[in-house]
Every structure is written in C-alpha cells, then in structure tokens.
Amino acid sequence: MEIDKGGWSGDGAFTDALVAALASIPEIEAIRVEDSPASHGQTGYLFLSNEIYVRFSARERIVPVRILGIIPSSTRVSEPSLDLEALDARLAGIEGIGPADYSDTGMLQYLRAERIVPPYQTRGYKLVEMVRIYCFGTAPRRSSGTDTQP
C-alpha cells in the first residue's frame, strides 16, 4: 500500500478517517490525498475541500478471440479488481464513513458538517468538510466560473 500525503495539509478529521478506511481495503494499491483550492474560511465557518485519488490493483483474465474472424486464439486482458461503485458499497458498510452523499461513474463525494466550539470561547464556528474520491488518471472536476453551454 502506497499512501502519498505530500499535497495535503492534514486538515480534516473525516478525510483522515476516510484514508484509514481506504487503506484497509486490499484491492487498493495506492492512495494520494491533496488539498483542493476550494478550501476557504470566513467568520463563522470553515470550508475544507480535499481530493483523494485511488489506484486499484489489476487482475488479468484470458479472453477467447478470433484472428481474422476464423482462427481461434486467446488474449490476456487486464482490468481493475474494483471500481468506484463497488468501493462505494464497501465504504457504506464501514461505521463512521457510510454511503457517499453523491456518486457517479467517475467520482464519490462526501460532505460532513459539524459545529466546533473551542474552549474558553462563547462563539464557535461551523466546519464543513467536502471530500471527493477519484481514480488515478482522472482530472478533478473544478469549475472556473467561466463555463459556457454550447
């Protein structure tokens, strides 16, 4: 298991719990955690956004094929041992993680919010943490605000 936390500031308890849960899944070879530029804070709340990239181990299988449509042969096909849908189902069964708040074929997204009241202060703040999980090799979905529809 290879875990790269070089691009992550370490902020976010849920992100940390999610990385620990992902590390316990044997079909995952590598995990990379990064801070997202969407993170920001203002008076009264703090918004953390982190991105996690996972690489699944590959399994090979032999597939029968026909060369020129008549000569029987076989070829080896490499495919990932897990996909994001199956990962979502596995994470849904882990206590403290649960099912993703949003998922599609290329991403899982979790959104957690909690109220933090530091000691000796009368006023706390709201911590909102968003974590997105992608497969290695996919670009993050960041909108620039200049997207136009054709």
Protein backbone atom coordinates (compact mmCIF):
# COMPACT_ATOMS: atom_id res chain seq x y z
CA MET A 1 0.00 0.00 0.00
CA GLU A 2 1.38 3.33 -1.08
CA ILE A 3 -0.06 6.47 0.58
CA ASP A 4 1.03 9.92 -0.63
CA LYS A 5 0.01 12.77 1.69
CA GLY A 6 2.51 15.28 0.29
CA GLY A 7 -0.13 17.58 -1.21
CA TRP A 8 -2.36 17.53 1.86
CA SER A 9 -2.15 19.93 4.80
CA GLY A 10 -3.56 17.32 7.19
CA ASP A 11 -6.74 19.30 7.90
CA GLY A 12 -9.96 17.35 8.13
CA ALA A 13 -10.76 14.56 10.57
CA PHE A 14 -13.20 12.93 8.17
CA THR A 15 -10.58 12.88 5.41
CA ASP A 16 -8.17 11.19 7.78
CA ALA A 17 -10.79 8.57 8.72
CA LEU A 18 -11.58 8.01 5.05
CA VAL A 19 -7.90 7.47 4.17
CA ALA A 20 -7.61 4.94 7.02
CA ALA A 21 -10.71 3.11 5.75
CA LEU A 22 -9.36 3.08 2.17
CA ALA A 23 -6.01 1.75 3.39
CA SER A 24 -7.79 -1.26 4.90
CA ILE A 25 -9.22 -2.34 1.51
CA PRO A 26 -6.84 -4.89 -0.07
CA GLU A 27 -7.79 -4.12 -3.70
CA ILE A 28 -6.40 -0.57 -3.41
CA GLU A 29 -2.72 -0.27 -4.36
CA ALA A 30 -2.14 3.44 -3.90
CA ILE A 31 -3.79 6.49 -2.33
CA ARG A 32 -2.92 10.15 -2.92
CA VAL A 33 -4.51 12.93 -0.85
CA GLU A 34 -4.47 16.59 -1.89
CA ASP A 35 -5.94 19.86 -0.70
CA SER A 36 -8.41 21.38 -3.12
CA PRO A 37 -8.22 25.10 -3.93
CA ALA A 38 -11.89 25.38 -2.96
CA SER A 39 -10.97 25.44 0.76
CA HIS A 40 -11.57 28.75 2.49
CA GLY A 41 -12.76 30.24 5.75
CA GLN A 42 -14.73 33.23 6.89
CA THR A 43 -16.12 34.41 10.18
CA GLY A 44 -18.44 31.75 11.48
CA TYR A 45 -17.46 28.86 9.23
CA LEU A 46 -14.56 26.98 7.70
CA PHE A 47 -14.90 25.08 4.42
CA LEU A 48 -12.36 22.31 3.78
CA SER A 49 -12.20 20.54 0.45
CA ASN A 50 -9.89 17.57 -0.11
CA GLU A 51 -9.40 15.21 -3.03
CA ILE A 52 -8.39 11.56 -2.77
CA TYR A 53 -7.10 9.59 -5.72
CA VAL A 54 -7.08 5.78 -5.57
CA ARG A 55 -5.45 3.17 -7.81
CA PHE A 56 -6.97 -0.28 -7.80
CA SER A 57 -4.92 -3.42 -8.26
CA ALA A 58 -5.29 -5.09 -11.64
CA ARG A 59 -6.30 -8.64 -12.37
CA GLU A 60 -5.71 -10.46 -15.60
CA ARG A 61 -8.02 -12.85 -17.34
CA ILE A 62 -7.84 -14.77 -20.58
CA VAL A 63 -10.42 -13.90 -23.20
CA PRO A 64 -11.08 -16.02 -26.28
CA VAL A 65 -10.76 -14.11 -29.58
CA ARG A 66 -10.71 -14.95 -33.27
CA ILE A 67 -7.95 -13.76 -35.58
CA LEU A 68 -9.29 -12.69 -38.98
CA GLY A 69 -12.63 -13.94 -37.77
CA ILE A 70 -11.75 -17.62 -38.25
CA ILE A 71 -8.64 -18.63 -36.27
CA PRO A 72 -9.42 -19.23 -32.58
CA SER A 73 -6.96 -17.68 -30.15
CA SER A 74 -6.85 -16.07 -26.74
CA THR A 75 -5.51 -12.87 -25.27
CA ARG A 76 -4.84 -11.55 -21.79
CA VAL A 77 -6.96 -8.64 -20.62
CA SER A 78 -6.04 -6.56 -17.57
CA GLU A 79 -8.89 -4.95 -15.66
CA PRO A 80 -9.15 -3.24 -12.25
CA SER A 81 -10.16 -5.52 -9.40
CA LEU A 82 -12.59 -2.88 -8.04
CA ASP A 83 -14.48 0.13 -9.39
CA LEU A 84 -15.96 3.21 -7.73
CA GLU A 85 -19.44 1.67 -7.42
CA ALA A 86 -18.05 -1.35 -5.57
CA LEU A 87 -15.85 0.97 -3.47
CA ASP A 88 -18.92 2.99 -2.52
CA ALA A 89 -20.68 -0.20 -1.40
CA ARG A 90 -17.66 -1.23 0.71
CA LEU A 91 -17.32 2.21 2.33
CA ALA A 92 -21.06 2.29 3.06
CA GLY A 93 -20.60 -0.69 5.37
CA ILE A 94 -17.83 0.94 7.42
CA GLU A 95 -19.02 2.65 10.60
CA GLY A 96 -18.18 6.35 10.65
CA ILE A 97 -17.96 6.58 6.84
CA GLY A 98 -21.28 5.42 5.37
CA PRO A 99 -22.52 5.82 1.81
CA ALA A 100 -21.37 8.67 -0.39
CA ASP A 101 -23.58 11.75 -0.48
CA TYR A 102 -23.12 11.90 -4.26
CA SER A 103 -21.66 9.39 -6.69
CA ASP A 104 -21.37 8.89 -10.40
CA THR A 105 -19.13 6.81 -12.68
CA GLY A 106 -16.07 8.98 -12.07
CA MET A 107 -16.34 10.31 -8.51
CA LEU A 108 -17.57 9.72 -4.97
CA GLN A 109 -18.33 12.79 -2.86
CA TYR A 110 -18.77 13.05 0.90
CA LEU A 111 -19.96 16.15 2.72
CA ARG A 112 -19.76 16.43 6.51
CA ALA A 113 -20.59 19.37 8.76
CA GLU A 114 -20.03 19.88 12.47
CA ARG A 115 -20.16 22.71 14.96
CA ILE A 116 -16.84 23.43 16.72
CA VAL A 117 -16.76 25.38 19.98
CA PRO A 118 -13.17 25.93 21.13
CA PRO A 119 -12.55 26.03 24.90
CA TYR A 120 -12.96 29.38 26.66
CA GLN A 121 -14.86 30.91 23.76
CA THR A 122 -18.52 31.75 23.67
CA ARG A 123 -18.82 31.64 19.94
CA GLY A 124 -17.85 28.65 17.80
CA TYR A 125 -17.76 28.06 14.08
CA LYS A 126 -19.19 25.60 11.61
CA LEU A 127 -16.73 23.23 9.92
CA VAL A 128 -17.87 21.91 6.53
CA GLU A 129 -15.67 19.21 5.01
CA MET A 130 -16.09 18.00 1.44
CA VAL A 131 -14.06 15.02 0.22
CA ARG A 132 -14.05 13.75 -3.36
CA ILE A 133 -12.62 10.38 -4.37
CA TYR A 134 -11.36 9.82 -7.93
CA CYS A 135 -9.47 7.05 -9.69
CA PHE A 136 -5.84 7.75 -10.65
CA GLY A 137 -5.58 9.29 -14.10
CA THR A 138 -8.78 11.33 -13.95
CA ALA A 139 -8.81 15.10 -13.79
CA PRO A 140 -10.53 16.77 -10.82
CA ARG A 141 -13.82 18.50 -11.50
CA ARG A 142 -13.16 22.13 -10.75
CA SER A 143 -15.34 24.79 -12.26
CA SER A 144 -13.66 28.04 -13.19
CA GLY A 145 -16.87 30.03 -13.28
CA THR A 146 -16.39 30.71 -16.99
CA ASP A 147 -18.01 27.54 -18.26
CA THR A 148 -20.46 28.17 -21.05
CA GLN A 149 -23.00 25.84 -22.56
CA PRO A 150 -22.85 25.35 -26.35
